[in-house]
Amino acid sequence: MTSGRPVRVDAATAGMQVIGAIVACAAAGYGIGSLVGLPVPLGLLGLFIGVFVGLALVYVRYRRI
């Protein structure tokens, strides 16, 4: 018998981390872009950066599995 959490919970947590990073980076990019006068381009740039940040976070958290 294993003492760890089920794999489904880990997968759901990893997915939510990626989505959370995408949303947070896109919002930050849009906010900074609003101050500069380029909200949409910087929001989209933040969105793409969020994908890589989210994947990096998942890798760091689950690299031992």
N, C-alpha and C. Protein backbone atom coordinates (compact mmCIF):
# COMPACT_ATOMS: atom_id res chain seq x y z
N MET A 1 0.83 -1.16 0.00
CA MET A 1 0.00 0.00 0.00
C MET A 1 0.89 1.24 0.00
N THR A 2 0.53 2.22 -0.82
CA THR A 2 1.32 3.45 -0.89
C THR A 2 0.78 4.47 0.10
N SER A 3 1.68 5.29 0.62
CA SER A 3 1.25 6.29 1.59
C SER A 3 1.09 7.67 0.97
N GLY A 4 1.33 7.82 -0.35
CA GLY A 4 1.23 9.11 -1.02
C GLY A 4 -0.19 9.40 -1.47
N ARG A 5 -0.36 10.61 -1.96
CA ARG A 5 -1.66 10.99 -2.50
C ARG A 5 -1.90 10.31 -3.84
N PRO A 6 -3.14 10.22 -4.26
CA PRO A 6 -3.42 9.63 -5.57
C PRO A 6 -2.80 10.49 -6.69
N VAL A 7 -2.50 9.87 -7.80
CA VAL A 7 -1.89 10.55 -8.94
C VAL A 7 -2.82 11.59 -9.52
N ARG A 8 -4.12 11.36 -9.46
CA ARG A 8 -5.09 12.32 -10.01
C ARG A 8 -4.96 13.67 -9.34
N VAL A 9 -4.73 13.67 -8.04
CA VAL A 9 -4.61 14.92 -7.30
C VAL A 9 -3.36 15.67 -7.74
N ASP A 10 -2.26 14.96 -7.96
CA ASP A 10 -1.03 15.59 -8.43
C ASP A 10 -1.23 16.19 -9.82
N ALA A 11 -1.91 15.48 -10.69
CA ALA A 11 -2.13 15.97 -12.04
C ALA A 11 -3.03 17.20 -12.03
N ALA A 12 -4.06 17.19 -11.20
CA ALA A 12 -4.95 18.34 -11.11
C ALA A 12 -4.22 19.55 -10.53
N THR A 13 -3.38 19.33 -9.54
CA THR A 13 -2.62 20.42 -8.96
C THR A 13 -1.64 20.99 -9.97
N ALA A 14 -1.00 20.16 -10.74
CA ALA A 14 -0.06 20.62 -11.76
C ALA A 14 -0.79 21.46 -12.81
N GLY A 15 -1.94 21.01 -13.23
CA GLY A 15 -2.72 21.76 -14.21
C GLY A 15 -3.17 23.11 -13.69
N MET A 16 -3.58 23.14 -12.45
CA MET A 16 -4.01 24.41 -11.86
C MET A 16 -2.84 25.36 -11.67
N GLN A 17 -1.65 24.83 -11.42
CA GLN A 17 -0.47 25.69 -11.32
C GLN A 17 -0.16 26.34 -12.67
N VAL A 18 -0.25 25.59 -13.73
CA VAL A 18 0.02 26.14 -15.06
C VAL A 18 -1.03 27.20 -15.40
N ILE A 19 -2.29 26.90 -15.17
CA ILE A 19 -3.35 27.86 -15.48
C ILE A 19 -3.23 29.11 -14.62
N GLY A 20 -2.91 28.93 -13.35
CA GLY A 20 -2.74 30.07 -12.46
C GLY A 20 -1.58 30.96 -12.88
N ALA A 21 -0.48 30.37 -13.31
CA ALA A 21 0.66 31.15 -13.77
C ALA A 21 0.32 31.90 -15.06
N ILE A 22 -0.41 31.26 -15.95
CA ILE A 22 -0.81 31.91 -17.20
C ILE A 22 -1.68 33.12 -16.90
N VAL A 23 -2.68 32.95 -16.05
CA VAL A 23 -3.60 34.05 -15.72
C VAL A 23 -2.86 35.17 -14.99
N ALA A 24 -2.00 34.81 -14.05
CA ALA A 24 -1.28 35.83 -13.29
C ALA A 24 -0.33 36.63 -14.18
N CYS A 25 0.40 35.97 -15.03
CA CYS A 25 1.34 36.67 -15.92
C CYS A 25 0.60 37.51 -16.96
N ALA A 26 -0.50 37.01 -17.47
CA ALA A 26 -1.29 37.78 -18.43
C ALA A 26 -1.87 39.02 -17.76
N ALA A 27 -2.35 38.89 -16.53
CA ALA A 27 -2.89 40.04 -15.81
C ALA A 27 -1.79 41.06 -15.50
N ALA A 28 -0.62 40.57 -15.12
CA ALA A 28 0.50 41.47 -14.85
C ALA A 28 0.92 42.21 -16.12
N GLY A 29 0.99 41.48 -17.22
CA GLY A 29 1.34 42.11 -18.50
C GLY A 29 0.32 43.13 -18.93
N TYR A 30 -0.95 42.81 -18.74
CA TYR A 30 -2.01 43.76 -19.09
C TYR A 30 -1.95 44.99 -18.20
N GLY A 31 -1.71 44.78 -16.92
CA GLY A 31 -1.62 45.92 -15.99
C GLY A 31 -0.45 46.82 -16.31
N ILE A 32 0.70 46.24 -16.56
CA ILE A 32 1.87 47.04 -16.92
C ILE A 32 1.64 47.71 -18.27
N GLY A 33 1.02 46.98 -19.18
CA GLY A 33 0.72 47.55 -20.50
C GLY A 33 -0.26 48.70 -20.42
N SER A 34 -1.18 48.66 -19.48
CA SER A 34 -2.12 49.75 -19.30
C SER A 34 -1.41 51.02 -18.85
N LEU A 35 -0.38 50.87 -18.04
CA LEU A 35 0.39 52.03 -17.60
C LEU A 35 1.22 52.63 -18.74
N VAL A 36 1.71 51.77 -19.62
CA VAL A 36 2.57 52.21 -20.71
C VAL A 36 1.77 52.65 -21.93
N GLY A 37 0.57 52.10 -22.08
CA GLY A 37 -0.26 52.42 -23.24
C GLY A 37 -0.34 51.30 -24.25
N LEU A 38 0.13 50.12 -23.90
CA LEU A 38 0.09 48.94 -24.78
C LEU A 38 -0.49 47.74 -24.03
N PRO A 39 -1.76 47.81 -23.61
CA PRO A 39 -2.27 46.73 -22.76
C PRO A 39 -2.41 45.39 -23.45
N VAL A 40 -2.90 45.38 -24.69
CA VAL A 40 -3.14 44.10 -25.36
C VAL A 40 -1.84 43.39 -25.74
N PRO A 41 -0.87 44.07 -26.37
CA PRO A 41 0.37 43.35 -26.71
C PRO A 41 1.11 42.84 -25.49
N LEU A 42 1.19 43.63 -24.43
CA LEU A 42 1.89 43.17 -23.24
C LEU A 42 1.09 42.11 -22.49
N GLY A 43 -0.23 42.17 -22.58
CA GLY A 43 -1.06 41.12 -22.00
C GLY A 43 -0.84 39.79 -22.69
N LEU A 44 -0.74 39.83 -24.02
CA LEU A 44 -0.46 38.60 -24.77
C LEU A 44 0.95 38.09 -24.51
N LEU A 45 1.89 39.00 -24.40
CA LEU A 45 3.26 38.59 -24.07
C LEU A 45 3.29 37.94 -22.69
N GLY A 46 2.57 38.52 -21.74
CA GLY A 46 2.49 37.93 -20.41
C GLY A 46 1.84 36.55 -20.44
N LEU A 47 0.86 36.39 -21.31
CA LEU A 47 0.19 35.09 -21.43
C LEU A 47 1.18 34.02 -21.88
N PHE A 48 1.99 34.32 -22.89
CA PHE A 48 2.96 33.34 -23.37
C PHE A 48 4.08 33.11 -22.36
N ILE A 49 4.49 34.15 -21.68
CA ILE A 49 5.49 33.98 -20.62
C ILE A 49 4.92 33.12 -19.50
N GLY A 50 3.63 33.28 -19.21
CA GLY A 50 2.98 32.49 -18.17
C GLY A 50 2.99 31.00 -18.45
N VAL A 51 2.94 30.62 -19.73
CA VAL A 51 3.01 29.20 -20.08
C VAL A 51 4.35 28.62 -19.63
N PHE A 52 5.43 29.34 -19.93
CA PHE A 52 6.76 28.85 -19.56
C PHE A 52 6.98 28.90 -18.06
N VAL A 53 6.47 29.95 -17.42
CA VAL A 53 6.60 30.04 -15.95
C VAL A 53 5.83 28.90 -15.30
N GLY A 54 4.62 28.63 -15.78
CA GLY A 54 3.81 27.55 -15.22
C GLY A 54 4.47 26.19 -15.39
N LEU A 55 5.03 25.94 -16.56
CA LEU A 55 5.71 24.67 -16.77
C LEU A 55 6.96 24.55 -15.91
N ALA A 56 7.66 25.66 -15.72
CA ALA A 56 8.84 25.64 -14.84
C ALA A 56 8.43 25.35 -13.40
N LEU A 57 7.33 25.94 -12.95
CA LEU A 57 6.86 25.68 -11.59
C LEU A 57 6.49 24.22 -11.39
N VAL A 58 5.82 23.64 -12.37
CA VAL A 58 5.44 22.23 -12.28
C VAL A 58 6.68 21.36 -12.29
N TYR A 59 7.65 21.69 -13.11
CA TYR A 59 8.87 20.90 -13.17
C TYR A 59 9.60 20.94 -11.82
N VAL A 60 9.71 22.12 -11.24
CA VAL A 60 10.41 22.24 -9.96
C VAL A 60 9.69 21.46 -8.86
N ARG A 61 8.37 21.50 -8.87
CA ARG A 61 7.61 20.83 -7.81
C ARG A 61 7.61 19.31 -7.98
N TYR A 62 7.51 18.82 -9.19
CA TYR A 62 7.33 17.38 -9.41
C TYR A 62 8.53 16.71 -10.07
N ARG A 63 9.71 17.25 -10.01
CA ARG A 63 10.86 16.64 -10.68
C ARG A 63 11.31 15.35 -10.04
N ARG A 64 10.93 15.10 -8.81
CA ARG A 64 11.35 13.87 -8.13
C ARG A 64 10.47 12.68 -8.45
N ILE A 65 9.37 12.90 -9.10
CA ILE A 65 8.43 11.80 -9.37
C ILE A 65 8.94 10.94 -10.50
